[in-house]
Amino acid sequence: MKTKKFYLSIMVFTMFLALSSCSLGDDDNNIVERNDDDGDGVVNVIDECVHTPEGVEVDAVGCPVEID
């Protein structure tokens, strides 16, 4: 019985350590926002149209999408 409690406590402790090192992703979102000066959702490194107006739909490289 003591052995089961010991292994259970080791398992709970290990799971606690593993879960405590997980991130909720909030920091990742802030990094993207800081690297997206015009706020179009495309990071500055690949943004070919750097001053897109707010609310304009953009393509994968940050340029406005033409609507027919």
C-alpha atoms as a PDB file:
ATOM      1  CA  MET A   1       0.000   0.000   0.000  1.00  0.00           C
ATOM      2  CA  LYS A   2       2.843   2.392   0.802  1.00  0.00           C
ATOM      3  CA  THR A   3       4.423   1.613  -2.548  1.00  0.00           C
ATOM      4  CA  LYS A   4       1.249   2.571  -4.438  1.00  0.00           C
ATOM      5  CA  LYS A   5       1.035   5.885  -2.571  1.00  0.00           C
ATOM      6  CA  PHE A   6       4.696   6.558  -3.281  1.00  0.00           C
ATOM      7  CA  TYR A   7       4.336   5.920  -7.021  1.00  0.00           C
ATOM      8  CA  LEU A   8       1.100   7.920  -7.147  1.00  0.00           C
ATOM      9  CA  SER A   9       2.764  10.894  -5.465  1.00  0.00           C
ATOM     10  CA  ILE A  10       5.720  10.667  -7.875  1.00  0.00           C
ATOM     11  CA  MET A  11       3.324  10.549 -10.831  1.00  0.00           C
ATOM     12  CA  VAL A  12       1.302  13.553  -9.575  1.00  0.00           C
ATOM     13  CA  PHE A  13       4.489  15.513  -8.957  1.00  0.00           C
ATOM     14  CA  THR A  14       5.793  14.699 -12.447  1.00  0.00           C
ATOM     15  CA  MET A  15       2.513  15.742 -14.041  1.00  0.00           C
ATOM     16  CA  PHE A  16       2.584  18.994 -12.053  1.00  0.00           C
ATOM     17  CA  LEU A  17       6.090  19.760 -13.323  1.00  0.00           C
ATOM     18  CA  ALA A  18       5.146  18.959 -16.904  1.00  0.00           C
ATOM     19  CA  LEU A  19       2.001  21.101 -16.843  1.00  0.00           C
ATOM     20  CA  SER A  20       3.652  24.015 -15.058  1.00  0.00           C
ATOM     21  CA  SER A  21       6.104  24.385 -17.930  1.00  0.00           C
ATOM     22  CA  CYS A  22       3.287  24.750 -20.471  1.00  0.00           C
ATOM     23  CA  SER A  23       2.425  28.177 -21.828  1.00  0.00           C
ATOM     24  CA  LEU A  24      -1.075  29.476 -22.475  1.00  0.00           C
ATOM     25  CA  GLY A  25       0.125  31.187 -25.656  1.00  0.00           C
ATOM     26  CA  ASP A  26      -0.480  34.729 -24.450  1.00  0.00           C
ATOM     27  CA  ASP A  27       3.204  35.617 -24.770  1.00  0.00           C
ATOM     28  CA  ASP A  28       3.275  34.307 -28.347  1.00  0.00           C
ATOM     29  CA  ASN A  29       0.360  36.549 -29.340  1.00  0.00           C
ATOM     30  CA  ASN A  30       2.030  39.601 -27.847  1.00  0.00           C
ATOM     31  CA  ILE A  31       5.194  38.926 -29.829  1.00  0.00           C
ATOM     32  CA  VAL A  32       3.230  38.829 -33.084  1.00  0.00           C
ATOM     33  CA  GLU A  33       1.411  42.041 -32.197  1.00  0.00           C
ATOM     34  CA  ARG A  34       4.688  43.817 -31.454  1.00  0.00           C
ATOM     35  CA  ASN A  35       6.153  42.671 -34.761  1.00  0.00           C
ATOM     36  CA  ASP A  36       3.109  43.801 -36.763  1.00  0.00           C
ATOM     37  CA  ASP A  37       3.357  47.587 -36.893  1.00  0.00           C
ATOM     38  CA  ASP A  38       0.308  48.213 -39.090  1.00  0.00           C
ATOM     39  CA  GLY A  39      -1.899  45.652 -37.302  1.00  0.00           C
ATOM     40  CA  ASP A  40      -2.938  43.710 -40.402  1.00  0.00           C
ATOM     41  CA  GLY A  41      -2.016  40.298 -38.972  1.00  0.00           C
ATOM     42  CA  VAL A  42       1.147  39.878 -41.073  1.00  0.00           C
ATOM     43  CA  VAL A  43       4.491  40.152 -39.283  1.00  0.00           C
ATOM     44  CA  ASN A  44       6.853  42.901 -40.421  1.00  0.00           C
ATOM     45  CA  VAL A  45       9.449  40.454 -41.753  1.00  0.00           C
ATOM     46  CA  ILE A  46       7.162  39.288 -44.591  1.00  0.00           C
ATOM     47  CA  ASP A  47       4.859  42.343 -44.838  1.00  0.00           C
ATOM     48  CA  GLU A  48       5.301  43.784 -48.353  1.00  0.00           C
ATOM     49  CA  CYS A  49       2.730  46.576 -47.821  1.00  0.00           C
ATOM     50  CA  VAL A  50       3.852  48.039 -44.517  1.00  0.00           C
ATOM     51  CA  HIS A  51       1.227  50.772 -44.067  1.00  0.00           C
ATOM     52  CA  THR A  52      -2.025  48.915 -44.741  1.00  0.00           C
ATOM     53  CA  PRO A  53      -5.022  50.925 -43.468  1.00  0.00           C
ATOM     54  CA  GLU A  54      -6.912  49.483 -40.499  1.00  0.00           C
ATOM     55  CA  GLY A  55      -9.781  47.141 -41.365  1.00  0.00           C
ATOM     56  CA  VAL A  56      -8.571  46.326 -44.897  1.00  0.00           C
ATOM     57  CA  GLU A  57      -8.453  42.612 -45.771  1.00  0.00           C
ATOM     58  CA  VAL A  58      -4.919  41.548 -46.712  1.00  0.00           C
ATOM     59  CA  ASP A  59      -3.304  38.562 -48.396  1.00  0.00           C
ATOM     60  CA  ALA A  60      -0.498  36.375 -47.026  1.00  0.00           C
ATOM     61  CA  VAL A  61       2.144  39.066 -47.609  1.00  0.00           C
ATOM     62  CA  GLY A  62       0.146  41.933 -46.108  1.00  0.00           C
ATOM     63  CA  CYS A  63      -1.096  43.635 -49.268  1.00  0.00           C
ATOM     64  CA  PRO A  64      -4.768  44.609 -49.711  1.00  0.00           C
ATOM     65  CA  VAL A  65      -6.952  41.987 -51.372  1.00  0.00           C
ATOM     66  CA  GLU A  66      -8.762  43.228 -54.460  1.00  0.00           C
ATOM     67  CA  ILE A  67     -12.500  42.451 -54.382  1.00  0.00           C
ATOM     68  CA  ASP A  68     -14.211  42.069 -57.766  1.00  0.00           C
END
